[in-house]
Amino acid sequence: MVLYSQYGNSQVFPILQILYLNLNYKTTTFHIDHIYPKSKFNEKNKKLDKDFYKWRDYLFNLQLLEGAENIAKKDKDPEVWLKEEYKDNQQAIEEYKKRNYIDPTLKLEWENIKEFREKREEAIIEKLKEVLLPKS
């Protein structure tokens, strides 16, 4: 199943390209980025339920980011990065979330990762159906 595709699998980048049809792949280098940083999926992260340790590389936690942007992001928590990247502009943060199949009302805190996963997987499935199974 597509949702179980993981970082490192050859199918992940093409799936992400389908989700991000509007990006210019000819002139820009994109990296596969972990929305919630992969380095924090372990026992040191007290905010993360241990059941989620193995989920760091799954599609729900991946997005495409411009290479330089991804390098600058490093392993920052998503809400911290969003506030820095968009200078705490709530409208810009909401637009980012919508573009990336993230519920714009959801705070990307570790405590919300289960809800994030459920909602983002639902949005990804809807987009893939829309693109790959168009209504005639």
N, C-alpha and C. Protein backbone atom coordinates (compact mmCIF):
# COMPACT_ATOMS: atom_id res chain seq x y z
N MET A 1 0.83 -1.19 0.00
CA MET A 1 0.00 0.00 0.00
C MET A 1 0.88 1.25 0.00
N VAL A 2 0.47 2.25 -0.73
CA VAL A 2 1.23 3.48 -0.91
C VAL A 2 1.58 4.15 0.42
N LEU A 3 0.65 4.17 1.35
CA LEU A 3 0.89 4.86 2.62
C LEU A 3 2.02 4.24 3.43
N TYR A 4 2.36 2.99 3.13
CA TYR A 4 3.44 2.33 3.87
C TYR A 4 4.78 2.49 3.17
N SER A 5 4.82 3.31 2.13
CA SER A 5 6.09 3.62 1.47
C SER A 5 6.96 4.38 2.46
N GLN A 6 8.25 4.05 2.44
CA GLN A 6 9.15 4.66 3.41
C GLN A 6 10.30 5.37 2.72
N TYR A 7 10.85 6.34 3.44
CA TYR A 7 12.05 7.05 3.04
C TYR A 7 13.10 6.01 2.65
N GLY A 8 13.72 6.20 1.51
CA GLY A 8 14.72 5.25 1.03
C GLY A 8 14.18 4.30 -0.03
N ASN A 9 12.86 4.09 -0.06
CA ASN A 9 12.25 3.25 -1.11
C ASN A 9 12.23 4.02 -2.42
N SER A 10 12.45 3.32 -3.52
CA SER A 10 12.50 3.98 -4.83
C SER A 10 11.16 4.58 -5.23
N GLN A 11 10.06 4.13 -4.65
CA GLN A 11 8.75 4.65 -5.04
C GLN A 11 8.38 5.95 -4.34
N VAL A 12 9.09 6.34 -3.29
CA VAL A 12 8.69 7.51 -2.50
C VAL A 12 8.77 8.80 -3.31
N PHE A 13 9.87 9.04 -4.00
CA PHE A 13 10.00 10.31 -4.74
C PHE A 13 8.92 10.45 -5.82
N PRO A 14 8.67 9.41 -6.63
CA PRO A 14 7.58 9.55 -7.62
C PRO A 14 6.21 9.80 -6.97
N ILE A 15 5.94 9.18 -5.83
CA ILE A 15 4.67 9.44 -5.15
C ILE A 15 4.61 10.90 -4.71
N LEU A 16 5.71 11.39 -4.14
CA LEU A 16 5.73 12.80 -3.72
C LEU A 16 5.60 13.74 -4.92
N GLN A 17 6.18 13.36 -6.06
CA GLN A 17 6.03 14.19 -7.26
C GLN A 17 4.57 14.29 -7.69
N ILE A 18 3.82 13.21 -7.52
CA ILE A 18 2.39 13.25 -7.84
C ILE A 18 1.67 14.19 -6.88
N LEU A 19 2.07 14.16 -5.62
CA LEU A 19 1.43 15.03 -4.62
C LEU A 19 1.80 16.50 -4.83
N TYR A 20 2.97 16.74 -5.39
CA TYR A 20 3.46 18.11 -5.59
C TYR A 20 3.65 18.37 -7.09
N LEU A 21 2.56 18.32 -7.82
CA LEU A 21 2.60 18.49 -9.28
C LEU A 21 3.05 19.88 -9.70
N ASN A 22 2.85 20.88 -8.85
CA ASN A 22 3.13 22.27 -9.21
C ASN A 22 4.60 22.67 -9.08
N LEU A 23 5.45 21.79 -8.57
CA LEU A 23 6.85 22.16 -8.37
C LEU A 23 7.62 22.07 -9.67
N ASN A 24 8.63 22.93 -9.81
CA ASN A 24 9.46 22.95 -11.01
C ASN A 24 10.68 22.05 -10.79
N TYR A 25 10.58 20.83 -11.25
CA TYR A 25 11.64 19.85 -11.03
C TYR A 25 12.82 20.04 -11.98
N LYS A 26 12.64 20.82 -13.04
CA LYS A 26 13.71 21.02 -14.02
C LYS A 26 14.77 22.00 -13.51
N THR A 27 14.35 23.00 -12.75
CA THR A 27 15.29 24.05 -12.36
C THR A 27 15.61 24.07 -10.86
N THR A 28 14.94 23.25 -10.08
CA THR A 28 15.13 23.28 -8.63
C THR A 28 15.39 21.87 -8.12
N THR A 29 16.32 21.76 -7.19
CA THR A 29 16.60 20.48 -6.54
C THR A 29 15.75 20.37 -5.28
N PHE A 30 15.03 19.28 -5.18
CA PHE A 30 14.19 19.05 -4.01
C PHE A 30 14.72 17.87 -3.21
N HIS A 31 14.59 17.99 -1.91
CA HIS A 31 14.96 16.90 -1.00
C HIS A 31 13.69 16.31 -0.42
N ILE A 32 13.76 15.03 -0.08
CA ILE A 32 12.69 14.41 0.69
C ILE A 32 12.96 14.76 2.15
N ASP A 33 12.06 15.51 2.72
CA ASP A 33 12.22 16.01 4.09
C ASP A 33 11.28 15.29 5.05
N HIS A 34 11.76 15.06 6.24
CA HIS A 34 10.92 14.54 7.33
C HIS A 34 10.27 15.74 8.01
N ILE A 35 8.96 15.81 8.01
CA ILE A 35 8.25 16.93 8.63
C ILE A 35 8.57 16.96 10.13
N TYR A 36 8.34 15.85 10.80
CA TYR A 36 8.82 15.69 12.18
C TYR A 36 10.21 15.09 12.05
N PRO A 37 11.25 15.73 12.60
CA PRO A 37 12.63 15.29 12.34
C PRO A 37 12.90 13.85 12.77
N LYS A 38 13.52 13.11 11.84
CA LYS A 38 13.77 11.69 12.09
C LYS A 38 14.68 11.46 13.28
N SER A 39 15.54 12.42 13.58
CA SER A 39 16.49 12.25 14.69
C SER A 39 15.80 12.22 16.06
N LYS A 40 14.52 12.61 16.09
CA LYS A 40 13.81 12.69 17.38
C LYS A 40 12.80 11.57 17.59
N PHE A 41 12.83 10.57 16.75
CA PHE A 41 11.94 9.41 16.91
C PHE A 41 12.65 8.36 17.77
N ASN A 42 12.82 8.68 19.05
CA ASN A 42 13.50 7.76 19.96
C ASN A 42 13.11 8.05 21.40
N GLU A 43 13.69 7.27 22.30
CA GLU A 43 13.32 7.36 23.72
C GLU A 43 13.72 8.67 24.38
N LYS A 44 14.65 9.42 23.79
CA LYS A 44 15.03 10.73 24.35
C LYS A 44 13.89 11.74 24.22
N ASN A 45 13.04 11.52 23.25
CA ASN A 45 11.90 12.42 23.02
C ASN A 45 10.74 11.97 23.92
N LYS A 46 10.62 12.60 25.06
CA LYS A 46 9.61 12.20 26.06
C LYS A 46 8.19 12.54 25.60
N LYS A 47 8.05 13.39 24.60
CA LYS A 47 6.72 13.78 24.11
C LYS A 47 6.16 12.77 23.10
N LEU A 48 7.00 11.86 22.65
CA LEU A 48 6.59 10.90 21.61
C LEU A 48 6.30 9.54 22.22
N ASP A 49 5.13 9.02 21.93
CA ASP A 49 4.75 7.68 22.38
C ASP A 49 5.68 6.66 21.71
N LYS A 50 6.16 5.70 22.47
CA LYS A 50 7.11 4.72 21.93
C LYS A 50 6.56 3.93 20.75
N ASP A 51 5.24 3.84 20.63
CA ASP A 51 4.63 3.15 19.49
C ASP A 51 4.95 3.86 18.17
N PHE A 52 5.36 5.12 18.24
CA PHE A 52 5.64 5.88 17.02
C PHE A 52 7.11 5.85 16.61
N TYR A 53 8.00 5.29 17.40
CA TYR A 53 9.42 5.29 17.07
C TYR A 53 9.68 4.75 15.66
N LYS A 54 8.96 3.71 15.28
CA LYS A 54 9.21 3.05 13.98
C LYS A 54 8.55 3.77 12.80
N TRP A 55 7.78 4.81 13.05
CA TRP A 55 7.01 5.46 11.99
C TRP A 55 7.70 6.67 11.36
N ARG A 56 8.91 6.96 11.72
CA ARG A 56 9.55 8.21 11.28
C ARG A 56 9.69 8.34 9.76
N ASP A 57 9.89 7.22 9.07
CA ASP A 57 10.20 7.27 7.63
C ASP A 57 9.00 7.04 6.72
N TYR A 58 7.81 6.96 7.28
CA TYR A 58 6.63 6.67 6.46
C TYR A 58 6.14 7.92 5.74
N LEU A 59 5.40 7.68 4.66
CA LEU A 59 4.95 8.75 3.77
C LEU A 59 4.25 9.90 4.49
N PHE A 60 3.47 9.62 5.51
CA PHE A 60 2.76 10.69 6.21
C PHE A 60 3.71 11.73 6.79
N ASN A 61 4.97 11.37 7.02
CA ASN A 61 5.94 12.28 7.62
C ASN A 61 6.93 12.84 6.60
N LEU A 62 6.65 12.66 5.32
CA LEU A 62 7.58 13.12 4.27
C LEU A 62 6.94 14.19 3.40
N GLN A 63 7.79 15.11 2.96
CA GLN A 63 7.37 16.16 2.03
C GLN A 63 8.57 16.50 1.15
N LEU A 64 8.33 17.27 0.10
CA LEU A 64 9.43 17.76 -0.72
C LEU A 64 9.72 19.20 -0.32
N LEU A 65 10.99 19.48 -0.08
CA LEU A 65 11.44 20.84 0.23
C LEU A 65 12.61 21.16 -0.68
N GLU A 66 12.74 22.43 -1.04
CA GLU A 66 13.92 22.84 -1.79
C GLU A 66 15.14 22.45 -0.97
N GLY A 67 16.20 22.04 -1.67
CA GLY A 67 17.39 21.55 -0.99
C GLY A 67 17.94 22.50 0.06
N ALA A 68 18.11 23.78 -0.29
CA ALA A 68 18.67 24.75 0.65
C ALA A 68 17.76 24.92 1.87
N GLU A 69 16.46 24.90 1.61
CA GLU A 69 15.48 25.05 2.69
C GLU A 69 15.57 23.86 3.66
N ASN A 70 15.72 22.67 3.10
CA ASN A 70 15.83 21.47 3.93
C ASN A 70 17.11 21.49 4.77
N ILE A 71 18.20 21.92 4.16
CA ILE A 71 19.47 21.99 4.89
C ILE A 71 19.36 22.99 6.04
N ALA A 72 18.71 24.12 5.79
CA ALA A 72 18.53 25.13 6.84
C ALA A 72 17.59 24.65 7.94
N LYS A 73 16.62 23.84 7.57
CA LYS A 73 15.63 23.34 8.54
C LYS A 73 16.28 22.42 9.57
N LYS A 74 17.24 21.64 9.15
CA LYS A 74 17.94 20.67 10.00
C LYS A 74 16.94 19.79 10.74
N ASP A 75 17.09 19.67 12.05
CA ASP A 75 16.19 18.79 12.80
C ASP A 75 15.29 19.58 13.76
N LYS A 76 14.86 20.73 13.28
CA LYS A 76 13.95 21.56 14.09
C LYS A 76 12.56 20.93 14.13
N ASP A 77 11.92 21.06 15.28
CA ASP A 77 10.53 20.62 15.39
C ASP A 77 9.69 21.43 14.41
N PRO A 78 8.65 20.84 13.85
CA PRO A 78 7.90 21.51 12.79
C PRO A 78 7.30 22.87 13.17
N GLU A 79 6.70 23.00 14.33
CA GLU A 79 6.12 24.29 14.71
C GLU A 79 7.19 25.36 14.88
N VAL A 80 8.33 25.00 15.42
CA VAL A 80 9.45 25.94 15.59
C VAL A 80 9.92 26.40 14.22
N TRP A 81 10.13 25.45 13.30
CA TRP A 81 10.59 25.78 11.96
C TRP A 81 9.59 26.67 11.23
N LEU A 82 8.30 26.34 11.33
CA LEU A 82 7.28 27.14 10.65
C LEU A 82 7.28 28.58 11.14
N LYS A 83 7.38 28.77 12.44
CA LYS A 83 7.39 30.14 12.99
C LYS A 83 8.61 30.91 12.52
N GLU A 84 9.76 30.24 12.45
CA GLU A 84 10.98 30.89 11.96
C GLU A 84 10.89 31.16 10.46
N GLU A 85 10.53 30.15 9.72
CA GLU A 85 10.49 30.24 8.25
C GLU A 85 9.50 31.28 7.76
N TYR A 86 8.35 31.35 8.40
CA TYR A 86 7.28 32.26 7.96
C TYR A 86 7.11 33.44 8.90
N LYS A 87 8.11 33.67 9.74
CA LYS A 87 8.16 34.84 10.63
C LYS A 87 6.86 35.01 11.41
N ASP A 88 6.33 33.90 11.87
CA ASP A 88 5.11 33.86 12.69
C ASP A 88 3.88 34.42 11.97
N ASN A 89 3.92 34.46 10.63
CA ASN A 89 2.78 34.92 9.82
C ASN A 89 1.78 33.76 9.72
N GLN A 90 0.69 33.85 10.46
CA GLN A 90 -0.28 32.74 10.54
C GLN A 90 -0.88 32.38 9.19
N GLN A 91 -1.14 33.38 8.36
CA GLN A 91 -1.71 33.10 7.03
C GLN A 91 -0.72 32.30 6.19
N ALA A 92 0.54 32.68 6.21
CA ALA A 92 1.56 31.96 5.45
C ALA A 92 1.74 30.54 5.97
N ILE A 93 1.66 30.37 7.29
CA ILE A 93 1.77 29.03 7.89
C ILE A 93 0.60 28.16 7.46
N GLU A 94 -0.61 28.73 7.46
CA GLU A 94 -1.79 27.98 7.02
C GLU A 94 -1.66 27.56 5.56
N GLU A 95 -1.16 28.48 4.71
CA GLU A 95 -0.98 28.17 3.29
C GLU A 95 0.04 27.04 3.11
N TYR A 96 1.13 27.10 3.88
CA TYR A 96 2.13 26.03 3.84
C TYR A 96 1.47 24.69 4.18
N LYS A 97 0.69 24.68 5.25
CA LYS A 97 0.05 23.44 5.69
C LYS A 97 -0.91 22.92 4.62
N LYS A 98 -1.69 23.79 4.03
CA LYS A 98 -2.63 23.35 2.98
C LYS A 98 -1.87 22.77 1.79
N ARG A 99 -0.79 23.43 1.37
CA ARG A 99 0.03 22.95 0.24
C ARG A 99 0.62 21.58 0.52
N ASN A 100 0.82 21.29 1.79
CA ASN A 100 1.50 20.05 2.18
C ASN A 100 0.57 19.02 2.80
N TYR A 101 -0.74 19.18 2.52
CA TYR A 101 -1.73 18.18 2.95
C TYR A 101 -1.77 18.02 4.48
N ILE A 102 -1.64 19.15 5.15
CA ILE A 102 -1.67 19.18 6.62
C ILE A 102 -2.87 20.01 7.03
N ASP A 103 -3.63 19.51 7.97
CA ASP A 103 -4.78 20.24 8.50
C ASP A 103 -4.28 21.59 9.02
N PRO A 104 -4.77 22.71 8.44
CA PRO A 104 -4.26 24.03 8.84
C PRO A 104 -4.57 24.40 10.29
N THR A 105 -5.53 23.73 10.90
CA THR A 105 -5.87 24.04 12.29
C THR A 105 -5.03 23.24 13.28
N LEU A 106 -4.28 22.28 12.79
CA LEU A 106 -3.53 21.38 13.68
C LEU A 106 -2.14 21.96 13.99
N LYS A 107 -1.82 22.05 15.25
CA LYS A 107 -0.47 22.45 15.67
C LYS A 107 0.44 21.23 15.51
N LEU A 108 1.57 21.43 14.89
CA LEU A 108 2.49 20.32 14.63
C LEU A 108 3.41 20.09 15.82
N GLU A 109 2.79 19.74 16.92
CA GLU A 109 3.50 19.42 18.15
C GLU A 109 3.57 17.90 18.26
N TRP A 110 4.54 17.40 18.99
CA TRP A 110 4.71 15.96 19.13
C TRP A 110 3.48 15.29 19.71
N GLU A 111 2.79 15.98 20.59
CA GLU A 111 1.59 15.42 21.22
C GLU A 111 0.49 15.16 20.19
N ASN A 112 0.56 15.81 19.05
CA ASN A 112 -0.48 15.70 18.02
C ASN A 112 -0.10 14.79 16.86
N ILE A 113 0.98 14.05 16.98
CA ILE A 113 1.47 13.30 15.82
C ILE A 113 0.49 12.22 15.35
N LYS A 114 -0.24 11.62 16.26
CA LYS A 114 -1.21 10.59 15.85
C LYS A 114 -2.32 11.22 15.00
N GLU A 115 -2.85 12.35 15.46
CA GLU A 115 -3.89 13.06 14.69
C GLU A 115 -3.32 13.57 13.37
N PHE A 116 -2.08 14.08 13.41
CA PHE A 116 -1.39 14.53 12.20
C PHE A 116 -1.33 13.39 11.19
N ARG A 117 -0.89 12.22 11.64
CA ARG A 117 -0.77 11.06 10.75
C ARG A 117 -2.11 10.71 10.13
N GLU A 118 -3.15 10.60 10.95
CA GLU A 118 -4.47 10.22 10.45
C GLU A 118 -4.99 11.21 9.41
N LYS A 119 -4.92 12.49 9.72
CA LYS A 119 -5.46 13.51 8.82
C LYS A 119 -4.62 13.64 7.56
N ARG A 120 -3.31 13.56 7.69
CA ARG A 120 -2.46 13.71 6.51
C ARG A 120 -2.59 12.50 5.59
N GLU A 121 -2.68 11.31 6.14
CA GLU A 121 -2.87 10.12 5.31
C GLU A 121 -4.18 10.22 4.53
N GLU A 122 -5.21 10.70 5.19
CA GLU A 122 -6.52 10.88 4.53
C GLU A 122 -6.39 11.87 3.36
N ALA A 123 -5.72 12.99 3.60
CA ALA A 123 -5.55 14.01 2.56
C ALA A 123 -4.69 13.49 1.40
N ILE A 124 -3.66 12.72 1.71
CA ILE A 124 -2.80 12.14 0.67
C ILE A 124 -3.60 11.17 -0.19
N ILE A 125 -4.40 10.31 0.44
CA ILE A 125 -5.22 9.36 -0.31
C ILE A 125 -6.17 10.10 -1.24
N GLU A 126 -6.81 11.14 -0.74
CA GLU A 126 -7.74 11.92 -1.56
C GLU A 126 -7.04 12.52 -2.77
N LYS A 127 -5.86 13.10 -2.58
CA LYS A 127 -5.13 13.71 -3.69
C LYS A 127 -4.69 12.66 -4.70
N LEU A 128 -4.19 11.53 -4.24
CA LEU A 128 -3.77 10.47 -5.16
C LEU A 128 -4.95 9.95 -5.97
N LYS A 129 -6.09 9.79 -5.33
CA LYS A 129 -7.30 9.35 -6.05
C LYS A 129 -7.69 10.38 -7.11
N GLU A 130 -7.63 11.66 -6.72
CA GLU A 130 -8.01 12.74 -7.63
C GLU A 130 -7.12 12.75 -8.87
N VAL A 131 -5.82 12.56 -8.68
CA VAL A 131 -4.87 12.62 -9.79
C VAL A 131 -4.86 11.32 -10.60
N LEU A 132 -4.87 10.19 -9.92
CA LEU A 132 -4.69 8.91 -10.59
C LEU A 132 -5.99 8.25 -11.05
N LEU A 133 -7.10 8.62 -10.43
CA LEU A 133 -8.40 8.04 -10.78
C LEU A 133 -9.40 9.15 -11.08
N PRO A 134 -9.14 9.95 -12.11
CA PRO A 134 -10.04 11.07 -12.37
C PRO A 134 -11.44 10.59 -12.73
N LYS A 135 -12.40 11.37 -12.31
CA LYS A 135 -13.79 11.04 -12.65
C LYS A 135 -14.03 11.38 -14.11
N SER A 136 -14.68 10.48 -14.84
CA SER A 136 -14.90 10.72 -16.27
C SER A 136 -16.24 11.36 -16.52
